[in-house]
Structures are given as structure tokens and as C-alpha cells.
């Protein structure tokens, strides 16, 4: 329970960022697109923590938080008995797909290199791959990542907002 309550400050911060982006996008301000694009890229980059070695402070000891980005721990290996190497390969492929997908989605948000028309597919595919990755290596501390994926998919699927080709060229 301590782990989940420790996420509260992050959740409040994410909610504030989301509200700011929503407000800016609702007023068709270019800053909103740029912030959303940066947020998408940042969300994708966070997934690279799965390939970063566990920090020494979380390796154990009193009061150290468990490292949630541990690829060595997967319920498919421990519970379902799948081969560790297979799960590792799937995990690395998902990490690459998520990171690249959200990078491309961020660029499409502001109309750099990729057309705005690609945005919905990039966001939904990246959010789905992210959710699968987070489920593969589930840890309660990753709940905010899953929530972000759900909100991003909802924004696209409910057509709450999408970049337009004319607005992207700002």
C-alpha cells in the first residue's frame, strides 16, 4: 500500500500537466500541441528505464523502494513458466516499439517529419504496446503508466482531440 500512496504526488503532477495541455488545446494554442508532443516523447522515453541497470539505492536495504522496471521479473516466467529468453526478447521488442512509436507520435503532434494523419494510429498503437509491456512486467508502481496509456487511447478513440494538418505547421 505504501508503494501506491507514494505515487500520489506523481499522479497529482500528471493531472496538472494533463489539465494544462487540455486547456491549451481547447483554446487552439500552439503551446498545447508542443506540450502534448513533448509529453508523448517523454512517456515513450520512460520505457527505456527497463534497459537501465537497477540503481544501487533500490537494490535492497531498509526503506529502499523496489525497482519497478525490472525485466528479470515477469509473471510469465515466474507464474506461467515461459522461457526467460523468450520473455526478454518480447520485452526488448516492446520497449523499442513503444519508445519509437511515442517519439513518432510526438513529432506527428506538431507536424514535424510525420503528417498529422498518422497521429491516431501512432498514439493508439504505442499506448497498446506500452500497456502490454507494463502488463508483462507488472508492478503496482507502473499503474500511472497504464493510466496514461488508457487516457491517451481514450483521447484518440473518443476523438476528443487530434492535430490538424494546417495547425501542425506552426
C-alpha atoms as a PDB file:
ATOM      1  CA  UNK A   1       0.000   0.000   0.000  1.00  0.00           C
ATOM      2  CA  UNK A   2       2.914   2.329   0.728  1.00  0.00           C
ATOM      3  CA  UNK A   3       4.027   1.934  -2.888  1.00  0.00           C
ATOM      4  CA  UNK A   4       0.662   3.019  -4.265  1.00  0.00           C
ATOM      5  CA  UNK A   5       0.324   6.000  -1.923  1.00  0.00           C
ATOM      6  CA  UNK A   6       3.843   7.038  -2.906  1.00  0.00           C
ATOM      7  CA  UNK A   7       2.526   7.533  -6.437  1.00  0.00           C
ATOM      8  CA  UNK A   8       0.075  10.220  -5.305  1.00  0.00           C
ATOM      9  CA  UNK A   9       2.428  13.198  -5.865  1.00  0.00           C
ATOM     10  CA  UNK A  10       3.219  11.902  -9.351  1.00  0.00           C
ATOM     11  CA  UNK A  11      -0.483  11.410 -10.081  1.00  0.00           C
ATOM     12  CA  UNK A  12      -1.272  14.966  -8.990  1.00  0.00           C
ATOM     13  CA  UNK A  13       1.567  16.292 -11.138  1.00  0.00           C
ATOM     14  CA  UNK A  14       0.387  14.295 -14.151  1.00  0.00           C
ATOM     15  CA  UNK A  15      -3.170  15.520 -13.631  1.00  0.00           C
ATOM     16  CA  UNK A  16      -1.936  19.135 -13.538  1.00  0.00           C
ATOM     17  CA  UNK A  17       0.054  18.630 -16.738  1.00  0.00           C
ATOM     18  CA  UNK A  18      -2.930  16.973 -18.396  1.00  0.00           C
ATOM     19  CA  UNK A  19      -5.278  19.789 -17.393  1.00  0.00           C
ATOM     20  CA  UNK A  20      -2.814  22.407 -18.671  1.00  0.00           C
ATOM     21  CA  UNK A  21      -2.465  20.609 -22.010  1.00  0.00           C
ATOM     22  CA  UNK A  22      -6.253  20.139 -22.257  1.00  0.00           C
ATOM     23  CA  UNK A  23      -6.828  23.849 -21.550  1.00  0.00           C
ATOM     24  CA  UNK A  24      -4.249  24.946 -24.134  1.00  0.00           C
ATOM     25  CA  UNK A  25      -5.560  22.554 -26.784  1.00  0.00           C
ATOM     26  CA  UNK A  26      -9.127  23.689 -26.138  1.00  0.00           C
ATOM     27  CA  UNK A  27      -8.068  27.241 -26.990  1.00  0.00           C
ATOM     28  CA  UNK A  28      -6.145  26.006 -30.046  1.00  0.00           C
ATOM     29  CA  UNK A  29      -2.884  27.357 -28.706  1.00  0.00           C
ATOM     30  CA  UNK A  30       0.258  26.007 -30.372  1.00  0.00           C
ATOM     31  CA  UNK A  31       1.887  25.569 -26.974  1.00  0.00           C
ATOM     32  CA  UNK A  32      -0.669  22.858 -26.176  1.00  0.00           C
ATOM     33  CA  UNK A  33       0.392  20.812 -29.213  1.00  0.00           C
ATOM     34  CA  UNK A  34       4.056  21.231 -28.308  1.00  0.00           C
ATOM     35  CA  UNK A  35       3.456  20.226 -24.693  1.00  0.00           C
ATOM     36  CA  UNK A  36       1.428  17.198 -25.756  1.00  0.00           C
ATOM     37  CA  UNK A  37       4.129  16.232 -28.246  1.00  0.00           C
ATOM     38  CA  UNK A  38       6.808  16.566 -25.557  1.00  0.00           C
ATOM     39  CA  UNK A  39       4.662  14.547 -23.142  1.00  0.00           C
ATOM     40  CA  UNK A  40       4.272  11.733 -25.679  1.00  0.00           C
ATOM     41  CA  UNK A  41       8.026  11.626 -26.289  1.00  0.00           C
ATOM     42  CA  UNK A  42       8.744  11.694 -22.543  1.00  0.00           C
ATOM     43  CA  UNK A  43       6.249   8.892 -21.890  1.00  0.00           C
ATOM     44  CA  UNK A  44       7.975   6.788 -24.526  1.00  0.00           C
ATOM     45  CA  UNK A  45      11.422   7.528 -23.120  1.00  0.00           C
ATOM     46  CA  UNK A  46      10.394   6.433 -19.617  1.00  0.00           C
ATOM     47  CA  UNK A  47      10.046   2.910 -21.007  1.00  0.00           C
ATOM     48  CA  UNK A  48      13.805   2.897 -21.634  1.00  0.00           C
ATOM     49  CA  UNK A  49      14.184   2.526 -17.860  1.00  0.00           C
ATOM     50  CA  UNK A  50      13.557  -1.182 -18.463  1.00  0.00           C
ATOM     51  CA  UNK A  51      17.030  -1.391 -20.039  1.00  0.00           C
ATOM     52  CA  UNK A  52      18.751   0.724 -17.376  1.00  0.00           C
ATOM     53  CA  UNK A  53      20.502  -1.181 -14.586  1.00  0.00           C
ATOM     54  CA  UNK A  54      18.770  -1.083 -11.240  1.00  0.00           C
ATOM     55  CA  UNK A  55      20.075   1.837  -9.153  1.00  0.00           C
ATOM     56  CA  UNK A  56      22.083   0.873  -6.091  1.00  0.00           C
ATOM     57  CA  UNK A  57      19.624   2.697  -3.813  1.00  0.00           C
ATOM     58  CA  UNK A  58      16.768   0.396  -4.856  1.00  0.00           C
ATOM     59  CA  UNK A  59      18.817  -2.800  -4.774  1.00  0.00           C
ATOM     60  CA  UNK A  60      17.656  -3.564  -1.284  1.00  0.00           C
ATOM     61  CA  UNK A  61      18.109  -2.466   2.255  1.00  0.00           C
ATOM     62  CA  UNK A  62      15.840  -0.674   4.635  1.00  0.00           C
ATOM     63  CA  UNK A  63      13.442   1.820   3.147  1.00  0.00           C
ATOM     64  CA  UNK A  64      14.602   1.217  -0.437  1.00  0.00           C
ATOM     65  CA  UNK A  65      11.805   1.167  -2.966  1.00  0.00           C
ATOM     66  CA  UNK A  66      11.540  -1.800  -5.299  1.00  0.00           C
ATOM     67  CA  UNK A  67      12.789  -1.019  -8.829  1.00  0.00           C
ATOM     68  CA  UNK A  68       9.619  -1.329 -10.941  1.00  0.00           C
ATOM     69  CA  UNK A  69      11.462  -1.568 -14.272  1.00  0.00           C
ATOM     70  CA  UNK A  70      12.979  -4.994 -13.629  1.00  0.00           C
ATOM     71  CA  UNK A  71      12.990  -7.122 -16.780  1.00  0.00           C
ATOM     72  CA  UNK A  72      14.267 -10.101 -14.809  1.00  0.00           C
ATOM     73  CA  UNK A  73      10.907 -10.347 -13.048  1.00  0.00           C
ATOM     74  CA  UNK A  74       7.889 -11.236 -15.148  1.00  0.00           C
ATOM     75  CA  UNK A  75       4.786 -13.097 -14.135  1.00  0.00           C
ATOM     76  CA  UNK A  76       5.009 -15.010 -17.443  1.00  0.00           C
ATOM     77  CA  UNK A  77       8.303 -16.515 -16.298  1.00  0.00           C
ATOM     78  CA  UNK A  78       7.552 -16.992 -12.611  1.00  0.00           C
ATOM     79  CA  UNK A  79       3.865 -17.899 -12.913  1.00  0.00           C
ATOM     80  CA  UNK A  80       3.337 -19.310 -16.394  1.00  0.00           C
ATOM     81  CA  UNK A  81       6.754 -20.903 -16.737  1.00  0.00           C
ATOM     82  CA  UNK A  82       7.685 -19.377 -20.085  1.00  0.00           C
ATOM     83  CA  UNK A  83      11.304 -19.268 -21.166  1.00  0.00           C
ATOM     84  CA  UNK A  84      13.199 -16.277 -19.725  1.00  0.00           C
ATOM     85  CA  UNK A  85      14.933 -15.594 -23.046  1.00  0.00           C
ATOM     86  CA  UNK A  86      11.649 -15.529 -24.976  1.00  0.00           C
ATOM     87  CA  UNK A  87      10.107 -13.090 -22.498  1.00  0.00           C
ATOM     88  CA  UNK A  88      13.275 -10.966 -22.663  1.00  0.00           C
ATOM     89  CA  UNK A  89      13.132 -10.789 -26.480  1.00  0.00           C
ATOM     90  CA  UNK A  90       9.442  -9.857 -26.377  1.00  0.00           C
ATOM     91  CA  UNK A  91      10.183  -7.212 -23.748  1.00  0.00           C
ATOM     92  CA  UNK A  92      13.020  -5.640 -25.751  1.00  0.00           C
ATOM     93  CA  UNK A  93      10.875  -5.587 -28.907  1.00  0.00           C
ATOM     94  CA  UNK A  94       8.053  -3.885 -26.986  1.00  0.00           C
ATOM     95  CA  UNK A  95      10.447  -1.350 -25.437  1.00  0.00           C
ATOM     96  CA  UNK A  96      11.715  -0.430 -28.905  1.00  0.00           C
ATOM     97  CA  UNK A  97       8.208  -0.249 -30.365  1.00  0.00           C
ATOM     98  CA  UNK A  98       6.893   1.917 -27.530  1.00  0.00           C
ATOM     99  CA  UNK A  99       9.840   4.300 -27.490  1.00  0.00           C
ATOM    100  CA  UNK A 100       9.917   4.777 -31.263  1.00  0.00           C
ATOM    101  CA  UNK A 101       6.119   4.869 -31.529  1.00  0.00           C
ATOM    102  CA  UNK A 102       5.703   7.626 -28.959  1.00  0.00           C
ATOM    103  CA  UNK A 103       8.613   9.568 -30.494  1.00  0.00           C
ATOM    104  CA  UNK A 104       6.887   9.460 -33.878  1.00  0.00           C
ATOM    105  CA  UNK A 105       3.529  10.329 -32.284  1.00  0.00           C
ATOM    106  CA  UNK A 106       5.119  13.329 -30.584  1.00  0.00           C
ATOM    107  CA  UNK A 107       6.572  14.506 -33.891  1.00  0.00           C
ATOM    108  CA  UNK A 108       3.230  13.996 -35.672  1.00  0.00           C
ATOM    109  CA  UNK A 109       1.514  16.029 -32.941  1.00  0.00           C
ATOM    110  CA  UNK A 110       3.429  19.124 -34.017  1.00  0.00           C
ATOM    111  CA  UNK A 111       3.706  18.197 -37.697  1.00  0.00           C
ATOM    112  CA  UNK A 112       7.445  17.543 -37.807  1.00  0.00           C
ATOM    113  CA  UNK A 113       8.533  14.837 -40.282  1.00  0.00           C
ATOM    114  CA  UNK A 114       5.269  12.926 -39.948  1.00  0.00           C
ATOM    115  CA  UNK A 115       1.793  14.006 -41.057  1.00  0.00           C
ATOM    116  CA  UNK A 116      -0.934  14.712 -38.537  1.00  0.00           C
ATOM    117  CA  UNK A 117      -2.992  11.956 -40.159  1.00  0.00           C
ATOM    118  CA  UNK A 118      -0.632   9.352 -38.700  1.00  0.00           C
ATOM    119  CA  UNK A 119      -1.183  10.652 -35.170  1.00  0.00           C
ATOM    120  CA  UNK A 120      -4.182   8.498 -34.143  1.00  0.00           C
ATOM    121  CA  UNK A 121      -2.602   5.223 -35.265  1.00  0.00           C
ATOM    122  CA  UNK A 122       0.762   6.078 -33.690  1.00  0.00           C
ATOM    123  CA  UNK A 123      -0.792   7.032 -30.345  1.00  0.00           C
ATOM    124  CA  UNK A 124      -3.137   4.045 -30.082  1.00  0.00           C
ATOM    125  CA  UNK A 125      -0.527   1.520 -31.242  1.00  0.00           C
ATOM    126  CA  UNK A 126       2.104   2.954 -28.885  1.00  0.00           C
ATOM    127  CA  UNK A 127      -0.306   3.065 -25.945  1.00  0.00           C
ATOM    128  CA  UNK A 128      -1.369  -0.529 -26.616  1.00  0.00           C
ATOM    129  CA  UNK A 129       2.252  -1.723 -26.848  1.00  0.00           C
ATOM    130  CA  UNK A 130       3.052   0.193 -23.657  1.00  0.00           C
ATOM    131  CA  UNK A 131       0.137  -1.391 -21.810  1.00  0.00           C
ATOM    132  CA  UNK A 132       1.255  -4.858 -22.926  1.00  0.00           C
ATOM    133  CA  UNK A 133       4.826  -4.129 -21.822  1.00  0.00           C
ATOM    134  CA  UNK A 134       3.684  -2.843 -18.433  1.00  0.00           C
ATOM    135  CA  UNK A 135       1.459  -5.896 -18.009  1.00  0.00           C
ATOM    136  CA  UNK A 136       4.334  -8.190 -18.993  1.00  0.00           C
ATOM    137  CA  UNK A 137       6.489  -6.816 -16.175  1.00  0.00           C
ATOM    138  CA  UNK A 138       3.662  -5.779 -13.875  1.00  0.00           C
ATOM    139  CA  UNK A 139       4.492  -3.875 -10.734  1.00  0.00           C
ATOM    140  CA  UNK A 140       1.993  -1.676  -8.825  1.00  0.00           C
ATOM    141  CA  UNK A 141       4.359   1.272  -9.254  1.00  0.00           C
ATOM    142  CA  UNK A 142       3.708   1.118 -13.006  1.00  0.00           C
ATOM    143  CA  UNK A 143      -0.005   1.878 -12.555  1.00  0.00           C
ATOM    144  CA  UNK A 144       0.428   5.510 -13.619  1.00  0.00           C
ATOM    145  CA  UNK A 145       1.935   4.357 -16.908  1.00  0.00           C
ATOM    146  CA  UNK A 146      -1.096   2.188 -17.559  1.00  0.00           C
ATOM    147  CA  UNK A 147      -3.388   5.112 -16.665  1.00  0.00           C
ATOM    148  CA  UNK A 148      -1.518   7.350 -19.122  1.00  0.00           C
ATOM    149  CA  UNK A 149      -1.929   4.720 -21.848  1.00  0.00           C
ATOM    150  CA  UNK A 150      -5.661   4.436 -21.165  1.00  0.00           C
ATOM    151  CA  UNK A 151      -6.161   8.218 -21.274  1.00  0.00           C
ATOM    152  CA  UNK A 152      -4.149   8.569 -24.496  1.00  0.00           C
ATOM    153  CA  UNK A 153      -6.136   5.792 -26.179  1.00  0.00           C
ATOM    154  CA  UNK A 154      -9.378   7.402 -24.986  1.00  0.00           C
ATOM    155  CA  UNK A 155      -8.349  10.805 -26.399  1.00  0.00           C
ATOM    156  CA  UNK A 156      -7.881   9.193 -29.804  1.00  0.00           C
ATOM    157  CA  UNK A 157     -10.734   6.692 -29.819  1.00  0.00           C
ATOM    158  CA  UNK A 158     -13.296   9.156 -28.446  1.00  0.00           C
ATOM    159  CA  UNK A 159     -11.963  11.740 -30.928  1.00  0.00           C
ATOM    160  CA  UNK A 160     -11.533  14.214 -28.086  1.00  0.00           C
ATOM    161  CA  UNK A 161      -8.689  15.943 -29.935  1.00  0.00           C
ATOM    162  CA  UNK A 162      -6.461  15.349 -32.942  1.00  0.00           C
ATOM    163  CA  UNK A 163      -3.880  17.521 -34.643  1.00  0.00           C
ATOM    164  CA  UNK A 164      -4.893  19.053 -37.936  1.00  0.00           C
ATOM    165  CA  UNK A 165      -2.591  19.371 -40.898  1.00  0.00           C
ATOM    166  CA  UNK A 166      -2.978  23.164 -41.046  1.00  0.00           C
ATOM    167  CA  UNK A 167      -2.444  23.682 -37.285  1.00  0.00           C
ATOM    168  CA  UNK A 168       0.564  21.372 -37.223  1.00  0.00           C
ATOM    169  CA  UNK A 169       2.627  23.602 -39.464  1.00  0.00           C
ATOM    170  CA  UNK A 170       3.156  26.239 -36.784  1.00  0.00           C
END
